[in-house]
Amino acid sequence: YFVQLRIARWHRQSRRRRCASGLAGIFERLDVPAEDAGIVAHHLVEADPAGVHSRGVIRVPTYVQGLEGEQDQPQDRTIEVVEDHGGQVVMDGDNGLGQLTAFRANRRLAIQRGKEHGIAAVALRRSTHCGAMAYYAIAPASTGSDRRWRSPTPKRV
């Protein structure tokens, strides 16, 4: 029984890796650097098994339209700190792909500031769709950090 479970898990992981590889190829053909394409593809593929389908692979056509229409910038954009108040920071994503800007803001600054100040709040402006927000909370957990993410939504009229 346990062997069957391991085989089934291996097949699911193998399918996700193949899917992520295929999606990365799509993004690379749209001038997204290979490493960046892999980050975005992995993020999208992992959202589906987590039950966040609206933030997963279903969004690929929207991302392709954004890259082809130049609303999204394919290159690794410079993420700048525009306001810095220690544990509270506002960053500008320069209209880069949302997963990349959020991933880099998290890895480069949020974790560091959280360790320094005990808490960190990093706001990211001029970024496109960031995907499933839980993705950014899972990685810092391995560093012993606790992350809470909130995505601003427009007010309903």
N, C-alpha and C. Protein backbone atom coordinates (compact mmCIF):
# COMPACT_ATOMS: atom_id res chain seq x y z
N TYR A 1 0.82 -1.20 0.00
CA TYR A 1 0.00 0.00 0.00
C TYR A 1 0.86 1.26 0.00
N PHE A 2 1.88 1.29 0.88
CA PHE A 2 2.73 2.47 0.94
C PHE A 2 3.54 2.66 -0.33
N VAL A 3 3.93 1.58 -0.96
CA VAL A 3 4.64 1.67 -2.24
C VAL A 3 3.74 2.29 -3.28
N GLN A 4 2.47 1.89 -3.30
CA GLN A 4 1.52 2.46 -4.26
C GLN A 4 1.35 3.96 -4.02
N LEU A 5 1.28 4.37 -2.76
CA LEU A 5 1.15 5.79 -2.45
C LEU A 5 2.38 6.57 -2.92
N ARG A 6 3.56 6.00 -2.72
CA ARG A 6 4.79 6.68 -3.16
C ARG A 6 4.83 6.79 -4.68
N ILE A 7 4.43 5.75 -5.36
CA ILE A 7 4.41 5.79 -6.83
C ILE A 7 3.42 6.84 -7.32
N ALA A 8 2.24 6.88 -6.70
CA ALA A 8 1.23 7.86 -7.09
C ALA A 8 1.75 9.28 -6.85
N ARG A 9 2.41 9.51 -5.72
CA ARG A 9 2.96 10.84 -5.45
C ARG A 9 4.05 11.19 -6.45
N TRP A 10 4.89 10.24 -6.79
CA TRP A 10 5.95 10.48 -7.77
C TRP A 10 5.34 10.86 -9.12
N HIS A 11 4.26 10.19 -9.54
CA HIS A 11 3.61 10.52 -10.81
C HIS A 11 3.05 11.94 -10.79
N ARG A 12 2.42 12.33 -9.69
CA ARG A 12 1.87 13.69 -9.59
C ARG A 12 2.99 14.72 -9.67
N GLN A 13 4.08 14.48 -8.96
CA GLN A 13 5.20 15.41 -8.99
C GLN A 13 5.84 15.47 -10.37
N SER A 14 5.92 14.33 -11.02
CA SER A 14 6.49 14.26 -12.36
C SER A 14 5.64 15.06 -13.34
N ARG A 15 4.32 14.94 -13.24
CA ARG A 15 3.43 15.71 -14.11
C ARG A 15 3.58 17.19 -13.87
N ARG A 16 3.70 17.60 -12.60
CA ARG A 16 3.87 19.02 -12.30
C ARG A 16 5.19 19.55 -12.86
N ARG A 17 6.26 18.76 -12.75
CA ARG A 17 7.55 19.19 -13.30
C ARG A 17 7.47 19.35 -14.82
N ARG A 18 6.82 18.40 -15.50
CA ARG A 18 6.68 18.49 -16.96
C ARG A 18 5.83 19.71 -17.34
N CYS A 19 4.77 19.94 -16.61
CA CYS A 19 3.91 21.09 -16.88
C CYS A 19 4.69 22.39 -16.67
N ALA A 20 5.43 22.48 -15.56
CA ALA A 20 6.22 23.69 -15.29
C ALA A 20 7.27 23.91 -16.37
N SER A 21 7.88 22.84 -16.84
CA SER A 21 8.88 22.95 -17.90
C SER A 21 8.24 23.48 -19.19
N GLY A 22 7.07 22.98 -19.52
CA GLY A 22 6.37 23.45 -20.72
C GLY A 22 5.97 24.91 -20.61
N LEU A 23 5.47 25.30 -19.44
CA LEU A 23 5.08 26.70 -19.24
C LEU A 23 6.29 27.61 -19.28
N ALA A 24 7.39 27.17 -18.68
CA ALA A 24 8.61 27.98 -18.73
C ALA A 24 9.03 28.21 -20.17
N GLY A 25 8.90 27.19 -21.01
CA GLY A 25 9.23 27.34 -22.43
C GLY A 25 8.37 28.39 -23.11
N ILE A 26 7.09 28.43 -22.76
CA ILE A 26 6.20 29.46 -23.32
C ILE A 26 6.69 30.85 -22.93
N PHE A 27 7.00 31.03 -21.65
CA PHE A 27 7.45 32.34 -21.19
C PHE A 27 8.81 32.72 -21.78
N GLU A 28 9.68 31.74 -21.94
CA GLU A 28 10.98 32.03 -22.55
C GLU A 28 10.82 32.52 -23.98
N ARG A 29 9.87 31.93 -24.72
CA ARG A 29 9.63 32.39 -26.10
C ARG A 29 9.09 33.82 -26.13
N LEU A 30 8.62 34.30 -24.99
CA LEU A 30 8.13 35.68 -24.89
C LEU A 30 9.18 36.58 -24.23
N ASP A 31 10.45 36.18 -24.32
CA ASP A 31 11.60 36.96 -23.85
C ASP A 31 11.76 37.03 -22.33
N VAL A 32 11.12 36.13 -21.61
CA VAL A 32 11.35 36.06 -20.18
C VAL A 32 12.61 35.20 -19.98
N PRO A 33 13.60 35.70 -19.25
CA PRO A 33 14.82 34.90 -19.02
C PRO A 33 14.48 33.54 -18.41
N ALA A 34 15.27 32.53 -18.73
CA ALA A 34 14.98 31.15 -18.34
C ALA A 34 14.74 30.99 -16.84
N GLU A 35 15.60 31.55 -16.01
CA GLU A 35 15.43 31.40 -14.56
C GLU A 35 14.10 32.02 -14.11
N ASP A 36 13.80 33.21 -14.64
CA ASP A 36 12.57 33.90 -14.28
C ASP A 36 11.34 33.13 -14.78
N ALA A 37 11.43 32.60 -15.99
CA ALA A 37 10.33 31.81 -16.54
C ALA A 37 10.07 30.59 -15.67
N GLY A 38 11.12 29.99 -15.15
CA GLY A 38 10.98 28.84 -14.27
C GLY A 38 10.29 29.19 -12.95
N ILE A 39 10.61 30.36 -12.40
CA ILE A 39 9.98 30.80 -11.15
C ILE A 39 8.49 31.01 -11.36
N VAL A 40 8.12 31.72 -12.44
CA VAL A 40 6.70 31.98 -12.71
C VAL A 40 5.97 30.67 -12.98
N ALA A 41 6.55 29.80 -13.80
CA ALA A 41 5.90 28.52 -14.12
C ALA A 41 5.71 27.67 -12.87
N HIS A 42 6.72 27.58 -12.04
CA HIS A 42 6.61 26.79 -10.81
C HIS A 42 5.50 27.34 -9.93
N HIS A 43 5.45 28.65 -9.80
CA HIS A 43 4.42 29.30 -8.98
C HIS A 43 3.02 28.94 -9.50
N LEU A 44 2.82 29.04 -10.80
CA LEU A 44 1.50 28.74 -11.38
C LEU A 44 1.12 27.28 -11.20
N VAL A 45 2.06 26.39 -11.46
CA VAL A 45 1.77 24.96 -11.37
C VAL A 45 1.48 24.55 -9.93
N GLU A 46 2.17 25.11 -8.96
CA GLU A 46 1.97 24.74 -7.57
C GLU A 46 0.67 25.29 -6.99
N ALA A 47 0.11 26.31 -7.60
CA ALA A 47 -1.16 26.85 -7.10
C ALA A 47 -2.31 25.85 -7.29
N ASP A 48 -2.30 25.11 -8.38
CA ASP A 48 -3.40 24.19 -8.67
C ASP A 48 -3.55 23.07 -7.63
N PRO A 49 -2.50 22.31 -7.32
CA PRO A 49 -2.68 21.26 -6.31
C PRO A 49 -2.98 21.81 -4.92
N ALA A 50 -2.67 23.10 -4.70
CA ALA A 50 -2.99 23.72 -3.42
C ALA A 50 -4.46 24.14 -3.37
N GLY A 51 -5.18 23.94 -4.49
CA GLY A 51 -6.60 24.28 -4.53
C GLY A 51 -6.89 25.71 -4.91
N VAL A 52 -5.89 26.45 -5.37
CA VAL A 52 -6.07 27.85 -5.75
C VAL A 52 -6.03 27.93 -7.27
N HIS A 53 -6.99 27.27 -7.90
CA HIS A 53 -6.98 27.15 -9.37
C HIS A 53 -7.08 28.50 -10.07
N SER A 54 -7.78 29.45 -9.46
CA SER A 54 -7.93 30.76 -10.09
C SER A 54 -6.60 31.51 -10.17
N ARG A 55 -5.59 31.04 -9.46
CA ARG A 55 -4.27 31.68 -9.47
C ARG A 55 -3.22 30.77 -10.09
N GLY A 56 -3.67 29.70 -10.73
CA GLY A 56 -2.76 28.70 -11.27
C GLY A 56 -2.61 28.78 -12.78
N VAL A 57 -2.49 27.62 -13.38
CA VAL A 57 -2.22 27.48 -14.81
C VAL A 57 -3.28 28.17 -15.66
N ILE A 58 -4.48 28.31 -15.15
CA ILE A 58 -5.56 28.95 -15.90
C ILE A 58 -5.20 30.40 -16.28
N ARG A 59 -4.26 31.00 -15.57
CA ARG A 59 -3.89 32.40 -15.83
C ARG A 59 -2.86 32.57 -16.95
N VAL A 60 -2.32 31.47 -17.46
CA VAL A 60 -1.28 31.57 -18.49
C VAL A 60 -1.72 32.41 -19.69
N PRO A 61 -2.91 32.21 -20.26
CA PRO A 61 -3.30 33.05 -21.40
C PRO A 61 -3.30 34.55 -21.07
N THR A 62 -3.70 34.90 -19.87
CA THR A 62 -3.69 36.31 -19.46
C THR A 62 -2.26 36.83 -19.41
N TYR A 63 -1.34 36.03 -18.88
CA TYR A 63 0.05 36.44 -18.81
C TYR A 63 0.64 36.58 -20.21
N VAL A 64 0.32 35.65 -21.08
CA VAL A 64 0.82 35.71 -22.46
C VAL A 64 0.32 36.99 -23.12
N GLN A 65 -0.96 37.32 -22.96
CA GLN A 65 -1.50 38.56 -23.53
C GLN A 65 -0.78 39.77 -22.97
N GLY A 66 -0.52 39.77 -21.67
CA GLY A 66 0.18 40.90 -21.06
C GLY A 66 1.60 41.05 -21.59
N LEU A 67 2.28 39.94 -21.78
CA LEU A 67 3.65 40.01 -22.31
C LEU A 67 3.66 40.40 -23.78
N GLU A 68 2.73 39.87 -24.54
CA GLU A 68 2.67 40.23 -25.98
C GLU A 68 2.23 41.67 -26.16
N GLY A 69 1.33 42.15 -25.30
CA GLY A 69 0.84 43.51 -25.40
C GLY A 69 1.70 44.52 -24.67
N GLU A 70 2.77 44.06 -24.06
CA GLU A 70 3.75 44.88 -23.37
C GLU A 70 3.21 45.58 -22.13
N GLN A 71 2.07 45.08 -21.56
CA GLN A 71 1.65 45.60 -20.27
C GLN A 71 2.57 45.04 -19.18
N ASP A 72 3.01 43.80 -19.36
CA ASP A 72 3.94 43.16 -18.43
C ASP A 72 5.33 43.23 -19.04
N GLN A 73 6.31 43.46 -18.20
CA GLN A 73 7.68 43.53 -18.67
C GLN A 73 8.34 42.17 -18.47
N PRO A 74 8.90 41.57 -19.53
CA PRO A 74 9.45 40.22 -19.41
C PRO A 74 10.79 40.13 -18.69
N GLN A 75 11.56 41.16 -18.73
CA GLN A 75 12.90 41.10 -18.16
C GLN A 75 12.85 41.28 -16.65
N ASP A 76 13.91 40.86 -15.98
CA ASP A 76 14.03 41.04 -14.54
C ASP A 76 14.13 42.53 -14.29
N ARG A 77 13.06 43.11 -13.87
CA ARG A 77 13.01 44.54 -13.63
C ARG A 77 13.70 44.87 -12.31
N THR A 78 14.15 46.10 -12.22
CA THR A 78 14.76 46.55 -10.98
C THR A 78 13.66 46.83 -9.97
N ILE A 79 13.75 46.18 -8.84
CA ILE A 79 12.79 46.42 -7.77
C ILE A 79 13.44 47.41 -6.83
N GLU A 80 12.83 48.58 -6.74
CA GLU A 80 13.44 49.65 -5.94
C GLU A 80 12.67 49.87 -4.65
N VAL A 81 13.40 50.21 -3.62
CA VAL A 81 12.78 50.62 -2.37
C VAL A 81 12.45 52.10 -2.52
N VAL A 82 11.17 52.46 -2.39
CA VAL A 82 10.78 53.87 -2.53
C VAL A 82 10.47 54.51 -1.18
N GLU A 83 10.16 53.71 -0.17
CA GLU A 83 9.99 54.20 1.20
C GLU A 83 10.56 53.14 2.13
N ASP A 84 11.32 53.59 3.10
CA ASP A 84 11.95 52.64 4.03
C ASP A 84 11.78 53.15 5.45
N HIS A 85 11.04 52.39 6.22
CA HIS A 85 10.81 52.73 7.63
C HIS A 85 11.16 51.53 8.50
N GLY A 86 12.31 50.92 8.24
CA GLY A 86 12.76 49.77 9.02
C GLY A 86 11.97 48.52 8.68
N GLY A 87 11.01 48.20 9.51
CA GLY A 87 10.20 47.01 9.29
C GLY A 87 9.06 47.23 8.31
N GLN A 88 8.88 48.47 7.85
CA GLN A 88 7.85 48.79 6.86
C GLN A 88 8.53 49.38 5.64
N VAL A 89 8.29 48.74 4.50
CA VAL A 89 8.96 49.14 3.27
C VAL A 89 7.95 49.17 2.13
N VAL A 90 8.08 50.15 1.25
CA VAL A 90 7.31 50.19 0.00
C VAL A 90 8.30 50.02 -1.13
N MET A 91 8.00 49.07 -2.02
CA MET A 91 8.88 48.79 -3.16
C MET A 91 8.12 49.02 -4.45
N ASP A 92 8.85 49.36 -5.50
CA ASP A 92 8.28 49.57 -6.83
C ASP A 92 8.75 48.44 -7.73
N GLY A 93 7.78 47.71 -8.34
CA GLY A 93 8.10 46.56 -9.18
C GLY A 93 8.38 46.87 -10.64
N ASP A 94 8.27 48.15 -11.06
CA ASP A 94 8.59 48.56 -12.43
C ASP A 94 7.81 47.76 -13.48
N ASN A 95 6.55 47.42 -13.15
CA ASN A 95 5.66 46.65 -14.05
C ASN A 95 6.23 45.29 -14.46
N GLY A 96 7.05 44.73 -13.61
CA GLY A 96 7.57 43.39 -13.87
C GLY A 96 6.50 42.34 -13.60
N LEU A 97 6.76 41.11 -14.04
CA LEU A 97 5.83 40.02 -13.77
C LEU A 97 5.62 39.91 -12.27
N GLY A 98 4.38 39.83 -11.87
CA GLY A 98 4.03 39.87 -10.45
C GLY A 98 4.70 38.81 -9.61
N GLN A 99 4.76 37.56 -10.12
CA GLN A 99 5.40 36.51 -9.34
C GLN A 99 6.87 36.81 -9.09
N LEU A 100 7.53 37.39 -10.08
CA LEU A 100 8.95 37.70 -9.92
C LEU A 100 9.18 38.84 -8.95
N THR A 101 8.39 39.90 -9.08
CA THR A 101 8.58 41.04 -8.19
C THR A 101 8.25 40.66 -6.75
N ALA A 102 7.16 39.92 -6.54
CA ALA A 102 6.81 39.51 -5.18
C ALA A 102 7.82 38.51 -4.63
N PHE A 103 8.24 37.57 -5.46
CA PHE A 103 9.23 36.56 -5.04
C PHE A 103 10.52 37.24 -4.60
N ARG A 104 10.98 38.20 -5.39
CA ARG A 104 12.23 38.86 -5.08
C ARG A 104 12.10 39.82 -3.90
N ALA A 105 10.96 40.50 -3.81
CA ALA A 105 10.74 41.37 -2.64
C ALA A 105 10.74 40.54 -1.37
N ASN A 106 10.15 39.37 -1.44
CA ASN A 106 10.10 38.48 -0.28
C ASN A 106 11.49 37.97 0.07
N ARG A 107 12.19 37.45 -0.94
CA ARG A 107 13.50 36.84 -0.69
C ARG A 107 14.56 37.88 -0.35
N ARG A 108 14.51 39.02 -1.00
CA ARG A 108 15.57 40.00 -0.83
C ARG A 108 15.37 40.91 0.38
N LEU A 109 14.12 41.15 0.75
CA LEU A 109 13.92 42.17 1.77
C LEU A 109 13.02 41.73 2.92
N ALA A 110 11.87 41.16 2.65
CA ALA A 110 10.90 40.87 3.71
C ALA A 110 11.47 39.95 4.78
N ILE A 111 12.13 38.89 4.37
CA ILE A 111 12.69 37.94 5.34
C ILE A 111 13.77 38.62 6.18
N GLN A 112 14.65 39.37 5.52
CA GLN A 112 15.72 40.07 6.23
C GLN A 112 15.15 41.07 7.23
N ARG A 113 14.20 41.88 6.79
CA ARG A 113 13.62 42.89 7.69
C ARG A 113 12.84 42.25 8.83
N GLY A 114 12.17 41.15 8.56
CA GLY A 114 11.47 40.44 9.61
C GLY A 114 12.41 39.96 10.70
N LYS A 115 13.57 39.48 10.29
CA LYS A 115 14.57 39.02 11.26
C LYS A 115 15.16 40.19 12.05
N GLU A 116 15.38 41.31 11.37
CA GLU A 116 15.97 42.48 12.02
C GLU A 116 15.02 43.15 13.00
N HIS A 117 13.74 43.27 12.61
CA HIS A 117 12.79 44.08 13.38
C HIS A 117 11.73 43.25 14.11
N GLY A 118 11.73 41.96 13.89
CA GLY A 118 10.72 41.12 14.53
C GLY A 118 9.44 41.04 13.74
N ILE A 119 9.24 41.98 12.83
CA ILE A 119 8.07 42.01 11.96
C ILE A 119 8.44 42.83 10.72
N ALA A 120 7.84 42.48 9.61
CA ALA A 120 8.08 43.25 8.39
C ALA A 120 6.80 43.34 7.58
N ALA A 121 6.56 44.51 7.04
CA ALA A 121 5.45 44.72 6.13
C ALA A 121 6.04 45.32 4.86
N VAL A 122 5.97 44.60 3.76
CA VAL A 122 6.52 45.08 2.50
C VAL A 122 5.38 45.23 1.51
N ALA A 123 5.16 46.46 1.09
CA ALA A 123 4.13 46.74 0.08
C ALA A 123 4.82 46.81 -1.28
N LEU A 124 4.16 46.30 -2.29
CA LEU A 124 4.73 46.26 -3.63
C LEU A 124 3.78 46.97 -4.58
N ARG A 125 4.26 48.04 -5.18
CA ARG A 125 3.42 48.77 -6.14
C ARG A 125 3.96 48.58 -7.55
N ARG A 126 3.15 48.93 -8.54
CA ARG A 126 3.50 48.79 -9.96
C ARG A 126 4.03 47.39 -10.25
N SER A 127 3.24 46.42 -9.87
CA SER A 127 3.54 45.03 -10.13
C SER A 127 2.29 44.43 -10.74
N THR A 128 2.44 43.45 -11.59
CA THR A 128 1.27 42.80 -12.16
C THR A 128 0.80 41.70 -11.21
N HIS A 129 -0.12 40.90 -11.63
CA HIS A 129 -0.74 39.86 -10.80
C HIS A 129 0.33 39.00 -10.12
N CYS A 130 0.25 38.88 -8.81
CA CYS A 130 1.27 38.15 -8.04
C CYS A 130 0.93 36.68 -7.82
N GLY A 131 -0.25 36.25 -8.22
CA GLY A 131 -0.60 34.84 -8.05
C GLY A 131 -1.08 34.52 -6.66
N ALA A 132 -0.95 33.26 -6.29
CA ALA A 132 -1.41 32.78 -4.99
C ALA A 132 -0.49 33.31 -3.90
N MET A 133 -1.02 34.12 -3.02
CA MET A 133 -0.20 34.77 -2.01
C MET A 133 0.41 33.79 -1.01
N ALA A 134 -0.23 32.66 -0.79
CA ALA A 134 0.30 31.68 0.17
C ALA A 134 1.69 31.20 -0.26
N TYR A 135 1.96 31.24 -1.55
CA TYR A 135 3.26 30.80 -2.06
C TYR A 135 4.40 31.54 -1.36
N TYR A 136 4.20 32.83 -1.11
CA TYR A 136 5.25 33.65 -0.52
C TYR A 136 5.39 33.41 0.98
N ALA A 137 4.36 32.88 1.61
CA ALA A 137 4.41 32.59 3.04
C ALA A 137 5.06 31.24 3.32
N ILE A 138 4.99 30.33 2.36
CA ILE A 138 5.52 28.98 2.57
C ILE A 138 7.05 28.99 2.62
N ALA A 139 7.69 29.69 1.69
CA ALA A 139 9.15 29.70 1.63
C ALA A 139 9.79 30.27 2.91
N PRO A 140 9.31 31.40 3.43
CA PRO A 140 9.94 31.92 4.65
C PRO A 140 9.77 31.01 5.86
N ALA A 141 8.77 30.16 5.85
CA ALA A 141 8.56 29.26 6.98
C ALA A 141 9.79 28.39 7.22
N SER A 142 10.51 28.07 6.14
CA SER A 142 11.71 27.24 6.28
C SER A 142 12.85 28.00 6.98
N THR A 143 12.73 29.33 7.05
CA THR A 143 13.75 30.12 7.74
C THR A 143 13.38 30.37 9.19
N GLY A 144 12.24 29.81 9.61
CA GLY A 144 11.79 30.03 10.98
C GLY A 144 10.97 31.29 11.12
N SER A 145 10.63 31.89 10.01
CA SER A 145 9.83 33.11 10.03
C SER A 145 8.36 32.78 9.86
N ASP A 146 7.52 33.62 10.38
CA ASP A 146 6.08 33.48 10.21
C ASP A 146 5.65 34.61 9.28
N ARG A 147 4.92 34.30 8.23
CA ARG A 147 4.50 35.32 7.27
C ARG A 147 2.99 35.35 7.14
N ARG A 148 2.47 36.56 7.10
CA ARG A 148 1.07 36.79 6.80
C ARG A 148 1.05 37.71 5.58
N TRP A 149 0.29 37.35 4.58
CA TRP A 149 0.22 38.16 3.36
C TRP A 149 -1.18 38.68 3.19
N ARG A 150 -1.28 39.88 2.72
CA ARG A 150 -2.58 40.46 2.40
C ARG A 150 -2.45 41.14 1.05
N SER A 151 -3.38 40.84 0.19
CA SER A 151 -3.40 41.46 -1.12
C SER A 151 -4.51 42.49 -1.16
N PRO A 152 -4.19 43.74 -1.50
CA PRO A 152 -5.23 44.75 -1.54
C PRO A 152 -6.20 44.47 -2.69
N THR A 153 -7.47 44.69 -2.41
CA THR A 153 -8.49 44.52 -3.44
C THR A 153 -9.26 45.82 -3.58
N PRO A 154 -9.76 46.11 -4.78
CA PRO A 154 -10.50 47.35 -4.96
C PRO A 154 -11.80 47.33 -4.15
N LYS A 155 -12.19 48.50 -3.67
CA LYS A 155 -13.45 48.60 -2.95
C LYS A 155 -14.61 48.45 -3.94
N ARG A 156 -15.65 47.78 -3.48
CA ARG A 156 -16.83 47.64 -4.33
C ARG A 156 -17.72 48.86 -4.12
N VAL A 157 -18.29 49.31 -5.21
CA VAL A 157 -19.15 50.49 -5.16
C VAL A 157 -20.57 50.08 -4.93
